[in-house]
Amino acid sequence: MKRKILFQIFALGLLLQFSACQIPESQVGEGDDAFATGQWLAYTDTQCADPWGYCNKNPDERVCVKEYVEKQGYTVADITSTPNQESSGVVCTACNCPSGRVFKVKVAEEDVTKLLAVGFKKI
């Protein structure tokens, strides 16, 4: 009897878990129209000379990059962070030296020119 009850609880838990992961059809594709023609831009992170300043409030610096871009009045569709592939292995700790990370943001086409002015580059 105890096994039967445990099995039923387990089955119910699986059922609830899989049904909770379903995306309602009304939300699929919403908000994609504004960024269907969006542009990916890249920013090579520096040791401490980034326009968003020192990011000490969140260990994931992507949050600070997104907040900075949004405070400038632009909407970020997506943001990623990857290691800099162009790094030569030379260590430089000056404020304007690259840290080794590259942030990539996807923004609407009309925001590209403004973000290029603060150091972002087209990919």
PDB file of N, CA and C in Angstrom:
ATOM      1  N   MET A   1       0.827  -1.192   0.000  1.00  0.00           N
ATOM      2  CA  MET A   1       0.000   0.000   0.000  1.00  0.00           C
ATOM      3  C   MET A   1       0.875   1.261   0.000  1.00  0.00           C
ATOM      4  N   LYS A   2       1.930   1.219   0.812  1.00  0.00           N
ATOM      5  CA  LYS A   2       2.822   2.350   0.910  1.00  0.00           C
ATOM      6  C   LYS A   2       3.512   2.603  -0.435  1.00  0.00           C
ATOM      7  N   ARG A   3       3.902   1.551  -1.133  1.00  0.00           N
ATOM      8  CA  ARG A   3       4.534   1.678  -2.441  1.00  0.00           C
ATOM      9  C   ARG A   3       3.587   2.298  -3.455  1.00  0.00           C
ATOM     10  N   LYS A   4       2.345   1.896  -3.410  1.00  0.00           N
ATOM     11  CA  LYS A   4       1.350   2.399  -4.350  1.00  0.00           C
ATOM     12  C   LYS A   4       1.145   3.905  -4.162  1.00  0.00           C
ATOM     13  N   ILE A   5       1.080   4.343  -2.925  1.00  0.00           N
ATOM     14  CA  ILE A   5       0.909   5.768  -2.635  1.00  0.00           C
ATOM     15  C   ILE A   5       2.144   6.554  -3.082  1.00  0.00           C
ATOM     16  N   LEU A   6       3.339   6.028  -2.798  1.00  0.00           N
ATOM     17  CA  LEU A   6       4.570   6.691  -3.222  1.00  0.00           C
ATOM     18  C   LEU A   6       4.651   6.771  -4.747  1.00  0.00           C
ATOM     19  N   PHE A   7       4.253   5.702  -5.435  1.00  0.00           N
ATOM     20  CA  PHE A   7       4.257   5.715  -6.895  1.00  0.00           C
ATOM     21  C   PHE A   7       3.286   6.760  -7.433  1.00  0.00           C
ATOM     22  N   GLN A   8       2.117   6.883  -6.844  1.00  0.00           N
ATOM     23  CA  GLN A   8       1.134   7.856  -7.289  1.00  0.00           C
ATOM     24  C   GLN A   8       1.637   9.285  -7.064  1.00  0.00           C
ATOM     25  N   ILE A   9       2.286   9.519  -5.939  1.00  0.00           N
ATOM     26  CA  ILE A   9       2.856  10.844  -5.662  1.00  0.00           C
ATOM     27  C   ILE A   9       3.961  11.160  -6.668  1.00  0.00           C
ATOM     28  N   PHE A  10       4.785  10.174  -6.957  1.00  0.00           N
ATOM     29  CA  PHE A  10       5.861  10.348  -7.931  1.00  0.00           C
ATOM     30  C   PHE A  10       5.291  10.656  -9.312  1.00  0.00           C
ATOM     31  N   ALA A  11       4.288   9.888  -9.739  1.00  0.00           N
ATOM     32  CA  ALA A  11       3.660  10.094 -11.050  1.00  0.00           C
ATOM     33  C   ALA A  11       3.009  11.474 -11.130  1.00  0.00           C
ATOM     34  N   LEU A  12       2.349  11.885 -10.068  1.00  0.00           N
ATOM     35  CA  LEU A  12       1.722  13.206 -10.030  1.00  0.00           C
ATOM     36  C   LEU A  12       2.786  14.309 -10.122  1.00  0.00           C
ATOM     37  N   GLY A  13       3.888  14.119  -9.419  1.00  0.00           N
ATOM     38  CA  GLY A  13       4.982  15.091  -9.462  1.00  0.00           C
ATOM     39  C   GLY A  13       5.551  15.225 -10.867  1.00  0.00           C
ATOM     40  N   LEU A  14       5.752  14.112 -11.563  1.00  0.00           N
ATOM     41  CA  LEU A  14       6.246  14.157 -12.938  1.00  0.00           C
ATOM     42  C   LEU A  14       5.257  14.862 -13.859  1.00  0.00           C
ATOM     43  N   LEU A  15       3.986  14.548 -13.685  1.00  0.00           N
ATOM     44  CA  LEU A  15       2.948  15.162 -14.500  1.00  0.00           C
ATOM     45  C   LEU A  15       2.938  16.681 -14.311  1.00  0.00           C
ATOM     46  N   LEU A  16       3.027  17.118 -13.068  1.00  0.00           N
ATOM     47  CA  LEU A  16       3.026  18.554 -12.780  1.00  0.00           C
ATOM     48  C   LEU A  16       4.286  19.231 -13.308  1.00  0.00           C
ATOM     49  N   GLN A  17       5.409  18.530 -13.209  1.00  0.00           N
ATOM     50  CA  GLN A  17       6.665  19.109 -13.673  1.00  0.00           C
ATOM     51  C   GLN A  17       6.642  19.322 -15.180  1.00  0.00           C
ATOM     52  N   PHE A  18       6.184  18.353 -15.936  1.00  0.00           N
ATOM     53  CA  PHE A  18       6.163  18.479 -17.389  1.00  0.00           C
ATOM     54  C   PHE A  18       5.095  19.456 -17.869  1.00  0.00           C
ATOM     55  N   SER A  19       4.000  19.536 -17.181  1.00  0.00           N
ATOM     56  CA  SER A  19       2.954  20.473 -17.602  1.00  0.00           C
ATOM     57  C   SER A  19       3.336  21.911 -17.265  1.00  0.00           C
ATOM     58  N   ALA A  20       4.169  22.111 -16.251  1.00  0.00           N
ATOM     59  CA  ALA A  20       4.586  23.462 -15.864  1.00  0.00           C
ATOM     60  C   ALA A  20       5.578  24.045 -16.868  1.00  0.00           C
ATOM     61  N   CYS A  21       6.230  23.219 -17.652  1.00  0.00           N
ATOM     62  CA  CYS A  21       7.233  23.692 -18.605  1.00  0.00           C
ATOM     63  C   CYS A  21       6.641  24.061 -19.956  1.00  0.00           C
ATOM     64  N   GLN A  22       5.369  23.949 -20.127  1.00  0.00           N
ATOM     65  CA  GLN A  22       4.740  24.277 -21.401  1.00  0.00           C
ATOM     66  C   GLN A  22       4.611  25.791 -21.543  1.00  0.00           C
ATOM     67  N   ILE A  23       4.927  26.294 -22.732  1.00  0.00           N
ATOM     68  CA  ILE A  23       4.776  27.717 -23.018  1.00  0.00           C
ATOM     69  C   ILE A  23       3.403  27.910 -23.637  1.00  0.00           C
ATOM     70  N   PRO A  24       2.578  28.759 -23.059  1.00  0.00           N
ATOM     71  CA  PRO A  24       1.268  29.007 -23.656  1.00  0.00           C
ATOM     72  C   PRO A  24       1.423  29.533 -25.082  1.00  0.00           C
ATOM     73  N   GLU A  25       0.560  29.095 -25.976  1.00  0.00           N
ATOM     74  CA  GLU A  25       0.663  29.491 -27.376  1.00  0.00           C
ATOM     75  C   GLU A  25       0.544  30.993 -27.569  1.00  0.00           C
ATOM     76  N   SER A  26      -0.163  31.669 -26.675  1.00  0.00           N
ATOM     77  CA  SER A  26      -0.337  33.111 -26.818  1.00  0.00           C
ATOM     78  C   SER A  26       0.972  33.862 -26.619  1.00  0.00           C
ATOM     79  N   GLN A  27       1.965  33.253 -25.932  1.00  0.00           N
ATOM     80  CA  GLN A  27       3.233  33.931 -25.681  1.00  0.00           C
ATOM     81  C   GLN A  27       4.302  33.579 -26.702  1.00  0.00           C
ATOM     82  N   VAL A  28       4.100  32.528 -27.470  1.00  0.00           N
ATOM     83  CA  VAL A  28       5.098  32.132 -28.447  1.00  0.00           C
ATOM     84  C   VAL A  28       5.175  33.184 -29.534  1.00  0.00           C
ATOM     85  N   GLY A  29       6.380  33.715 -29.751  1.00  0.00           N
ATOM     86  CA  GLY A  29       6.577  34.697 -30.806  1.00  0.00           C
ATOM     87  C   GLY A  29       6.245  36.126 -30.416  1.00  0.00           C
ATOM     88  N   GLU A  30       5.716  36.368 -29.220  1.00  0.00           N
ATOM     89  CA  GLU A  30       5.397  37.735 -28.812  1.00  0.00           C
ATOM     90  C   GLU A  30       6.688  38.505 -28.577  1.00  0.00           C
ATOM     91  N   GLY A  31       6.718  39.742 -29.006  1.00  0.00           N
ATOM     92  CA  GLY A  31       7.874  40.600 -28.763  1.00  0.00           C
ATOM     93  C   GLY A  31       9.025  40.376 -29.713  1.00  0.00           C
ATOM     94  N   ASP A  32       8.939  39.389 -30.585  1.00  0.00           N
ATOM     95  CA  ASP A  32      10.031  39.124 -31.505  1.00  0.00           C
ATOM     96  C   ASP A  32      10.030  40.060 -32.697  1.00  0.00           C
ATOM     97  N   ASP A  33       8.899  40.693 -32.996  1.00  0.00           N
ATOM     98  CA  ASP A  33       8.793  41.542 -34.174  1.00  0.00           C
ATOM     99  C   ASP A  33       9.748  42.724 -34.109  1.00  0.00           C
ATOM    100  N   ALA A  34       9.885  43.332 -32.951  1.00  0.00           N
ATOM    101  CA  ALA A  34      10.760  44.503 -32.816  1.00  0.00           C
ATOM    102  C   ALA A  34      12.224  44.148 -33.039  1.00  0.00           C
ATOM    103  N   PHE A  35      12.608  42.905 -32.777  1.00  0.00           N
ATOM    104  CA  PHE A  35      14.002  42.508 -32.894  1.00  0.00           C
ATOM    105  C   PHE A  35      14.239  41.517 -34.019  1.00  0.00           C
ATOM    106  N   ALA A  36      13.236  41.310 -34.868  1.00  0.00           N
ATOM    107  CA  ALA A  36      13.405  40.396 -35.995  1.00  0.00           C
ATOM    108  C   ALA A  36      14.534  40.890 -36.894  1.00  0.00           C
ATOM    109  N   THR A  37      14.676  42.204 -36.993  1.00  0.00           N
ATOM    110  CA  THR A  37      15.748  42.777 -37.796  1.00  0.00           C
ATOM    111  C   THR A  37      16.789  43.431 -36.898  1.00  0.00           C
ATOM    112  N   GLY A  38      16.838  43.043 -35.657  1.00  0.00           N
ATOM    113  CA  GLY A  38      17.789  43.630 -34.710  1.00  0.00           C
ATOM    114  C   GLY A  38      19.222  43.318 -35.092  1.00  0.00           C
ATOM    115  N   GLN A  39      20.128  43.956 -34.421  1.00  0.00           N
ATOM    116  CA  GLN A  39      21.546  43.836 -34.725  1.00  0.00           C
ATOM    117  C   GLN A  39      22.308  43.374 -33.481  1.00  0.00           C
ATOM    118  N   TRP A  40      23.219  42.426 -33.663  1.00  0.00           N
ATOM    119  CA  TRP A  40      24.107  42.010 -32.589  1.00  0.00           C
ATOM    120  C   TRP A  40      25.309  42.937 -32.575  1.00  0.00           C
ATOM    121  N   LEU A  41      25.643  43.437 -31.400  1.00  0.00           N
ATOM    122  CA  LEU A  41      26.817  44.279 -31.207  1.00  0.00           C
ATOM    123  C   LEU A  41      27.706  43.643 -30.152  1.00  0.00           C
ATOM    124  N   ALA A  42      28.996  43.877 -30.251  1.00  0.00           N
ATOM    125  CA  ALA A  42      29.942  43.312 -29.287  1.00  0.00           C
ATOM    126  C   ALA A  42      30.707  44.427 -28.586  1.00  0.00           C
ATOM    127  N   TYR A  43      31.031  44.192 -27.332  1.00  0.00           N
ATOM    128  CA  TYR A  43      31.843  45.132 -26.564  1.00  0.00           C
ATOM    129  C   TYR A  43      32.931  44.336 -25.857  1.00  0.00           C
ATOM    130  N   THR A  44      34.181  44.686 -26.100  1.00  0.00           N
ATOM    131  CA  THR A  44      35.300  44.027 -25.437  1.00  0.00           C
ATOM    132  C   THR A  44      35.462  44.652 -24.059  1.00  0.00           C
ATOM    133  N   ASP A  45      35.209  43.869 -23.049  1.00  0.00           N
ATOM    134  CA  ASP A  45      35.253  44.328 -21.661  1.00  0.00           C
ATOM    135  C   ASP A  45      36.673  44.735 -21.283  1.00  0.00           C
ATOM    136  N   THR A  46      36.782  45.791 -20.490  1.00  0.00           N
ATOM    137  CA  THR A  46      38.088  46.232 -19.997  1.00  0.00           C
ATOM    138  C   THR A  46      38.204  45.915 -18.501  1.00  0.00           C
ATOM    139  N   GLN A  47      39.388  46.151 -17.963  1.00  0.00           N
ATOM    140  CA  GLN A  47      39.600  45.886 -16.538  1.00  0.00           C
ATOM    141  C   GLN A  47      38.710  46.789 -15.679  1.00  0.00           C
ATOM    142  N   CYS A  48      38.570  48.073 -16.050  1.00  0.00           N
ATOM    143  CA  CYS A  48      37.737  48.968 -15.240  1.00  0.00           C
ATOM    144  C   CYS A  48      37.307  50.241 -15.960  1.00  0.00           C
ATOM    145  N   ALA A  49      37.443  50.309 -17.292  1.00  0.00           N
ATOM    146  CA  ALA A  49      37.106  51.533 -18.025  1.00  0.00           C
ATOM    147  C   ALA A  49      35.852  51.361 -18.887  1.00  0.00           C
ATOM    148  N   ASP A  50      34.902  50.589 -18.414  1.00  0.00           N
ATOM    149  CA  ASP A  50      33.672  50.359 -19.167  1.00  0.00           C
ATOM    150  C   ASP A  50      32.665  51.466 -18.873  1.00  0.00           C
ATOM    151  N   PRO A  51      31.784  51.775 -19.824  1.00  0.00           N
ATOM    152  CA  PRO A  51      30.829  52.865 -19.591  1.00  0.00           C
ATOM    153  C   PRO A  51      29.854  52.590 -18.449  1.00  0.00           C
ATOM    154  N   TRP A  52      29.643  51.344 -18.078  1.00  0.00           N
ATOM    155  CA  TRP A  52      28.717  51.034 -16.974  1.00  0.00           C
ATOM    156  C   TRP A  52      29.415  51.030 -15.635  1.00  0.00           C
ATOM    157  N   GLY A  53      30.725  51.303 -15.610  1.00  0.00           N
ATOM    158  CA  GLY A  53      31.456  51.380 -14.351  1.00  0.00           C
ATOM    159  C   GLY A  53      31.763  50.023 -13.759  1.00  0.00           C
ATOM    160  N   TYR A  54      32.194  50.050 -12.528  1.00  0.00           N
ATOM    161  CA  TYR A  54      32.542  48.817 -11.826  1.00  0.00           C
ATOM    162  C   TYR A  54      31.260  48.105 -11.407  1.00  0.00           C
ATOM    163  N   CYS A  55      31.172  46.848 -11.737  1.00  0.00           N
ATOM    164  CA  CYS A  55      29.953  46.066 -11.460  1.00  0.00           C
ATOM    165  C   CYS A  55      30.164  45.248 -10.189  1.00  0.00           C
ATOM    166  N   ASN A  56      29.785  45.814  -9.061  1.00  0.00           N
ATOM    167  CA  ASN A  56      29.983  45.099  -7.795  1.00  0.00           C
ATOM    168  C   ASN A  56      28.680  44.638  -7.166  1.00  0.00           C
ATOM    169  N   LYS A  57      27.544  44.925  -7.801  1.00  0.00           N
ATOM    170  CA  LYS A  57      26.275  44.533  -7.183  1.00  0.00           C
ATOM    171  C   LYS A  57      25.767  43.183  -7.657  1.00  0.00           C
ATOM    172  N   ASN A  58      26.401  42.625  -8.687  1.00  0.00           N
ATOM    173  CA  ASN A  58      25.966  41.334  -9.195  1.00  0.00           C
ATOM    174  C   ASN A  58      27.182  40.603  -9.740  1.00  0.00           C
ATOM    175  N   PRO A  59      27.373  39.334  -9.371  1.00  0.00           N
ATOM    176  CA  PRO A  59      28.537  38.602  -9.879  1.00  0.00           C
ATOM    177  C   PRO A  59      28.468  38.366 -11.390  1.00  0.00           C
ATOM    178  N   ASP A  60      27.274  38.402 -11.973  1.00  0.00           N
ATOM    179  CA  ASP A  60      27.106  38.242 -13.414  1.00  0.00           C
ATOM    180  C   ASP A  60      27.100  39.630 -14.042  1.00  0.00           C
ATOM    181  N   GLU A  61      28.208  40.028 -14.632  1.00  0.00           N
ATOM    182  CA  GLU A  61      28.352  41.391 -15.144  1.00  0.00           C
ATOM    183  C   GLU A  61      27.408  41.678 -16.311  1.00  0.00           C
ATOM    184  N   ARG A  62      26.831  40.622 -16.910  1.00  0.00           N
ATOM    185  CA  ARG A  62      25.853  40.846 -17.981  1.00  0.00           C
ATOM    186  C   ARG A  62      24.678  41.675 -17.473  1.00  0.00           C
ATOM    187  N   VAL A  63      24.340  41.520 -16.189  1.00  0.00           N
ATOM    188  CA  VAL A  63      23.245  42.288 -15.597  1.00  0.00           C
ATOM    189  C   VAL A  63      23.584  43.781 -15.636  1.00  0.00           C
ATOM    190  N   CYS A  64      24.804  44.131 -15.295  1.00  0.00           N
ATOM    191  CA  CYS A  64      25.216  45.539 -15.298  1.00  0.00           C
ATOM    192  C   CYS A  64      25.247  46.102 -16.720  1.00  0.00           C
ATOM    193  N   VAL A  65      25.700  45.301 -17.688  1.00  0.00           N
ATOM    194  CA  VAL A  65      25.729  45.746 -19.082  1.00  0.00           C
ATOM    195  C   VAL A  65      24.300  46.006 -19.566  1.00  0.00           C
ATOM    196  N   LYS A  66      23.402  45.075 -19.274  1.00  0.00           N
ATOM    197  CA  LYS A  66      22.007  45.233 -19.698  1.00  0.00           C
ATOM    198  C   LYS A  66      21.380  46.468 -19.048  1.00  0.00           C
ATOM    199  N   GLU A  67      21.613  46.654 -17.742  1.00  0.00           N
ATOM    200  CA  GLU A  67      21.072  47.827 -17.048  1.00  0.00           C
ATOM    201  C   GLU A  67      21.602  49.119 -17.664  1.00  0.00           C
ATOM    202  N   TYR A  68      22.893  49.143 -17.995  1.00  0.00           N
ATOM    203  CA  TYR A  68      23.484  50.345 -18.594  1.00  0.00           C
ATOM    204  C   TYR A  68      22.819  50.663 -19.924  1.00  0.00           C
ATOM    205  N   VAL A  69      22.701  49.651 -20.787  1.00  0.00           N
ATOM    206  CA  VAL A  69      22.110  49.873 -22.113  1.00  0.00           C
ATOM    207  C   VAL A  69      20.654  50.321 -21.976  1.00  0.00           C
ATOM    208  N   GLU A  70      19.919  49.701 -21.055  1.00  0.00           N
ATOM    209  CA  GLU A  70      18.515  50.076 -20.869  1.00  0.00           C
ATOM    210  C   GLU A  70      18.371  51.465 -20.259  1.00  0.00           C
ATOM    211  N   LYS A  71      19.313  51.881 -19.394  1.00  0.00           N
ATOM    212  CA  LYS A  71      19.270  53.240 -18.829  1.00  0.00           C
ATOM    213  C   LYS A  71      19.532  54.294 -19.906  1.00  0.00           C
ATOM    214  N   GLN A  72      20.209  53.890 -20.977  1.00  0.00           N
ATOM    215  CA  GLN A  72      20.435  54.809 -22.093  1.00  0.00           C
ATOM    216  C   GLN A  72      19.183  54.942 -22.953  1.00  0.00           C
ATOM    217  N   GLY A  73      18.162  54.135 -22.662  1.00  0.00           N
ATOM    218  CA  GLY A  73      16.908  54.229 -23.389  1.00  0.00           C
ATOM    219  C   GLY A  73      16.735  53.189 -24.479  1.00  0.00           C
ATOM    220  N   TYR A  74      17.582  52.163 -24.499  1.00  0.00           N
ATOM    221  CA  TYR A  74      17.510  51.138 -25.523  1.00  0.00           C
ATOM    222  C   TYR A  74      17.004  49.843 -24.899  1.00  0.00           C
ATOM    223  N   THR A  75      16.364  49.020 -25.698  1.00  0.00           N
ATOM    224  CA  THR A  75      15.858  47.740 -25.213  1.00  0.00           C
ATOM    225  C   THR A  75      16.792  46.635 -25.671  1.00  0.00           C
ATOM    226  N   VAL A  76      17.167  45.778 -24.745  1.00  0.00           N
ATOM    227  CA  VAL A  76      18.053  44.654 -25.047  1.00  0.00           C
ATOM    228  C   VAL A  76      17.199  43.416 -25.252  1.00  0.00           C
ATOM    229  N   ALA A  77      17.307  42.804 -26.442  1.00  0.00           N
ATOM    230  CA  ALA A  77      16.559  41.583 -26.721  1.00  0.00           C
ATOM    231  C   ALA A  77      17.279  40.379 -26.137  1.00  0.00           C
ATOM    232  N   ASP A  78      18.610  40.396 -26.161  1.00  0.00           N
ATOM    233  CA  ASP A  78      19.395  39.273 -25.661  1.00  0.00           C
ATOM    234  C   ASP A  78      20.789  39.773 -25.328  1.00  0.00           C
ATOM    235  N   ILE A  79      21.452  39.087 -24.420  1.00  0.00           N
ATOM    236  CA  ILE A  79      22.828  39.448 -24.060  1.00  0.00           C
ATOM    237  C   ILE A  79      23.588  38.171 -23.716  1.00  0.00           C
ATOM    238  N   THR A  80      24.817  38.089 -24.193  1.00  0.00           N
ATOM    239  CA  THR A  80      25.673  36.946 -23.883  1.00  0.00           C
ATOM    240  C   THR A  80      27.049  37.455 -23.500  1.00  0.00           C
ATOM    241  N   SER A  81      27.815  36.596 -22.881  1.00  0.00           N
ATOM    242  CA  SER A  81      29.184  36.924 -22.504  1.00  0.00           C
ATOM    243  C   SER A  81      30.061  35.739 -22.890  1.00  0.00           C
ATOM    244  N   THR A  82      31.131  36.011 -23.626  1.00  0.00           N
ATOM    245  CA  THR A  82      32.028  34.945 -24.054  1.00  0.00           C
ATOM    246  C   THR A  82      33.466  35.362 -23.812  1.00  0.00           C
ATOM    247  N   PRO A  83      34.351  34.398 -23.661  1.00  0.00           N
ATOM    248  CA  PRO A  83      35.763  34.745 -23.544  1.00  0.00           C
ATOM    249  C   PRO A  83      36.256  35.380 -24.840  1.00  0.00           C
ATOM    250  N   ASN A  84      37.176  36.309 -24.730  1.00  0.00           N
ATOM    251  CA  ASN A  84      37.733  36.978 -25.898  1.00  0.00           C
ATOM    252  C   ASN A  84      38.649  36.005 -26.624  1.00  0.00           C
ATOM    253  N   GLN A  85      38.323  35.704 -27.869  1.00  0.00           N
ATOM    254  CA  GLN A  85      39.114  34.760 -28.655  1.00  0.00           C
ATOM    255  C   GLN A  85      40.412  35.389 -29.177  1.00  0.00           C
ATOM    256  N   GLU A  86      40.486  36.704 -29.194  1.00  0.00           N
ATOM    257  CA  GLU A  86      41.660  37.393 -29.719  1.00  0.00           C
ATOM    258  C   GLU A  86      42.743  37.597 -28.660  1.00  0.00           C
ATOM    259  N   SER A  87      42.514  37.136 -27.455  1.00  0.00           N
ATOM    260  CA  SER A  87      43.467  37.352 -26.371  1.00  0.00           C
ATOM    261  C   SER A  87      44.780  36.634 -26.669  1.00  0.00           C
ATOM    262  N   SER A  88      45.891  37.330 -26.491  1.00  0.00           N
ATOM    263  CA  SER A  88      47.204  36.753 -26.776  1.00  0.00           C
ATOM    264  C   SER A  88      47.813  36.083 -25.555  1.00  0.00           C
ATOM    265  N   GLY A  89      47.155  36.161 -24.423  1.00  0.00           N
ATOM    266  CA  GLY A  89      47.688  35.564 -23.210  1.00  0.00           C
ATOM    267  C   GLY A  89      48.517  36.535 -22.394  1.00  0.00           C
ATOM    268  N   VAL A  90      48.785  37.713 -22.928  1.00  0.00           N
ATOM    269  CA  VAL A  90      49.550  38.722 -22.208  1.00  0.00           C
ATOM    270  C   VAL A  90      48.647  39.332 -21.151  1.00  0.00           C
ATOM    271  N   VAL A  91      49.162  39.454 -19.944  1.00  0.00           N
ATOM    272  CA  VAL A  91      48.374  39.996 -18.842  1.00  0.00           C
ATOM    273  C   VAL A  91      48.645  41.488 -18.712  1.00  0.00           C
ATOM    274  N   CYS A  92      47.574  42.246 -18.660  1.00  0.00           N
ATOM    275  CA  CYS A  92      47.665  43.693 -18.494  1.00  0.00           C
ATOM    276  C   CYS A  92      46.587  44.082 -17.491  1.00  0.00           C
ATOM    277  N   THR A  93      46.964  44.768 -16.431  1.00  0.00           N
ATOM    278  CA  THR A  93      45.991  45.134 -15.407  1.00  0.00           C
ATOM    279  C   THR A  93      45.660  46.620 -15.406  1.00  0.00           C
ATOM    280  N   ALA A  94      46.113  47.348 -16.428  1.00  0.00           N
ATOM    281  CA  ALA A  94      45.754  48.766 -16.519  1.00  0.00           C
ATOM    282  C   ALA A  94      44.251  48.872 -16.760  1.00  0.00           C
ATOM    283  N   CYS A  95      43.690  49.970 -16.373  1.00  0.00           N
ATOM    284  CA  CYS A  95      42.241  50.143 -16.414  1.00  0.00           C
ATOM    285  C   CYS A  95      41.645  49.963 -17.808  1.00  0.00           C
ATOM    286  N   ASN A  96      42.351  50.392 -18.847  1.00  0.00           N
ATOM    287  CA  ASN A  96      41.799  50.291 -20.195  1.00  0.00           C
ATOM    288  C   ASN A  96      42.215  49.026 -20.939  1.00  0.00           C
ATOM    289  N   CYS A  97      42.904  48.105 -20.275  1.00  0.00           N
ATOM    290  CA  CYS A  97      43.291  46.838 -20.900  1.00  0.00           C
ATOM    291  C   CYS A  97      42.093  45.883 -20.945  1.00  0.00           C
ATOM    292  N   PRO A  98      42.024  45.051 -21.978  1.00  0.00           N
ATOM    293  CA  PRO A  98      40.919  44.084 -22.069  1.00  0.00           C
ATOM    294  C   PRO A  98      40.962  43.085 -20.920  1.00  0.00           C
ATOM    295  N   SER A  99      39.770  42.706 -20.446  1.00  0.00           N
ATOM    296  CA  SER A  99      39.688  41.727 -19.360  1.00  0.00           C
ATOM    297  C   SER A  99      39.645  40.299 -19.887  1.00  0.00           C
ATOM    298  N   GLY A 100      39.370  40.157 -21.169  1.00  0.00           N
ATOM    299  CA  GLY A 100      39.266  38.823 -21.755  1.00  0.00           C
ATOM    300  C   GLY A 100      37.833  38.424 -22.080  1.00  0.00           C
ATOM    301  N   ARG A 101      36.867  39.213 -21.639  1.00  0.00           N
ATOM    302  CA  ARG A 101      35.457  38.916 -21.943  1.00  0.00           C
ATOM    303  C   ARG A 101      34.953  39.801 -23.071  1.00  0.00           C
ATOM    304  N   VAL A 102      33.988  39.269 -23.799  1.00  0.00           N
ATOM    305  CA  VAL A 102      33.299  40.047 -24.827  1.00  0.00           C
ATOM    306  C   VAL A 102      31.809  39.927 -24.545  1.00  0.00           C
ATOM    307  N   PHE A 103      31.144  41.061 -24.413  1.00  0.00           N
ATOM    308  CA  PHE A 103      29.695  41.081 -24.219  1.00  0.00           C
ATOM    309  C   PHE A 103      29.038  41.300 -25.571  1.00  0.00           C
ATOM    310  N   LYS A 104      28.022  40.511 -25.854  1.00  0.00           N
ATOM    311  CA  LYS A 104      27.269  40.661 -27.094  1.00  0.00           C
ATOM    312  C   LYS A 104      25.831  40.975 -26.733  1.00  0.00           C
ATOM    313  N   VAL A 105      25.306  42.053 -27.329  1.00  0.00           N
ATOM    314  CA  VAL A 105      23.926  42.458 -27.074  1.00  0.00           C
ATOM    315  C   VAL A 105      23.185  42.550 -28.398  1.00  0.00           C
ATOM    316  N   LYS A 106      21.924  42.155 -28.374  1.00  0.00           N
ATOM    317  CA  LYS A 106      21.067  42.312 -29.547  1.00  0.00           C
ATOM    318  C   LYS A 106      20.097  43.435 -29.254  1.00  0.00           C
ATOM    319  N   VAL A 107      20.153  44.466 -30.091  1.00  0.00           N
ATOM    320  CA  VAL A 107      19.301  45.638 -29.922  1.00  0.00           C
ATOM    321  C   VAL A 107      18.573  45.922 -31.228  1.00  0.00           C
ATOM    322  N   ALA A 108      17.568  46.772 -31.141  1.00  0.00           N
ATOM    323  CA  ALA A 108      16.818  47.178 -32.330  1.00  0.00           C
ATOM    324  C   ALA A 108      17.749  47.949 -33.272  1.00  0.00           C
ATOM    325  N   GLU A 109      17.469  47.873 -34.539  1.00  0.00           N
ATOM    326  CA  GLU A 109      18.305  48.495 -35.569  1.00  0.00           C
ATOM    327  C   GLU A 109      18.509  49.990 -35.353  1.00  0.00           C
ATOM    328  N   GLU A 110      17.486  50.685 -34.851  1.00  0.00           N
ATOM    329  CA  GLU A 110      17.601  52.135 -34.662  1.00  0.00           C
ATOM    330  C   GLU A 110      18.533  52.523 -33.510  1.00  0.00           C
ATOM    331  N   ASP A 111      18.905  51.587 -32.652  1.00  0.00           N
ATOM    332  CA  ASP A 111      19.781  51.878 -31.519  1.00  0.00           C
ATOM    333  C   ASP A 111      21.256  51.627 -31.818  1.00  0.00           C
ATOM    334  N   VAL A 112      21.556  51.045 -32.959  1.00  0.00           N
ATOM    335  CA  VAL A 112      22.921  50.621 -33.271  1.00  0.00           C
ATOM    336  C   VAL A 112      23.894  51.794 -33.286  1.00  0.00           C
ATOM    337  N   THR A 113      23.576  52.853 -33.993  1.00  0.00           N
ATOM    338  CA  THR A 113      24.491  53.999 -34.134  1.00  0.00           C
ATOM    339  C   THR A 113      24.870  54.582 -32.784  1.00  0.00           C
ATOM    340  N   LYS A 114      23.910  54.700 -31.894  1.00  0.00           N
ATOM    341  CA  LYS A 114      24.173  55.292 -30.583  1.00  0.00           C
ATOM    342  C   LYS A 114      25.097  54.416 -29.744  1.00  0.00           C
ATOM    343  N   LEU A 115      24.919  53.096 -29.839  1.00  0.00           N
ATOM    344  CA  LEU A 115      25.766  52.200 -29.057  1.00  0.00           C
ATOM    345  C   LEU A 115      27.156  52.067 -29.666  1.00  0.00           C
ATOM    346  N   LEU A 116      27.276  52.246 -30.971  1.00  0.00           N
ATOM    347  CA  LEU A 116      28.602  52.245 -31.596  1.00  0.00           C
ATOM    348  C   LEU A 116      29.442  53.406 -31.052  1.00  0.00           C
ATOM    349  N   ALA A 117      28.783  54.488 -30.707  1.00  0.00           N
ATOM    350  CA  ALA A 117      29.481  55.683 -30.198  1.00  0.00           C
ATOM    351  C   ALA A 117      30.097  55.460 -28.821  1.00  0.00           C
ATOM    352  N   VAL A 118      29.598  54.493 -28.047  1.00  0.00           N
ATOM    353  CA  VAL A 118      30.151  54.250 -26.705  1.00  0.00           C
ATOM    354  C   VAL A 118      31.057  53.017 -26.659  1.00  0.00           C
ATOM    355  N   GLY A 119      31.449  52.498 -27.824  1.00  0.00           N
ATOM    356  CA  GLY A 119      32.439  51.429 -27.842  1.00  0.00           C
ATOM    357  C   GLY A 119      31.955  50.069 -28.316  1.00  0.00           C
ATOM    358  N   PHE A 120      30.671  49.915 -28.570  1.00  0.00           N
ATOM    359  CA  PHE A 120      30.200  48.641 -29.110  1.00  0.00           C
ATOM    360  C   PHE A 120      30.589  48.560 -30.580  1.00  0.00           C
ATOM    361  N   LYS A 121      30.742  47.338 -31.096  1.00  0.00           N
ATOM    362  CA  LYS A 121      31.102  47.143 -32.501  1.00  0.00           C
ATOM    363  C   LYS A 121      30.132  46.160 -33.139  1.00  0.00           C
ATOM    364  N   LYS A 122      29.872  46.360 -34.432  1.00  0.00           N
ATOM    365  CA  LYS A 122      29.013  45.422 -35.165  1.00  0.00           C
ATOM    366  C   LYS A 122      29.716  44.081 -35.298  1.00  0.00           C
ATOM    367  N   ILE A 123      28.916  43.045 -35.214  1.00  0.00           N
ATOM    368  CA  ILE A 123      29.477  41.693 -35.362  1.00  0.00           C
ATOM    369  C   ILE A 123      29.291  41.257 -36.797  1.00  0.00           C
TER     370      ILE A 123
END
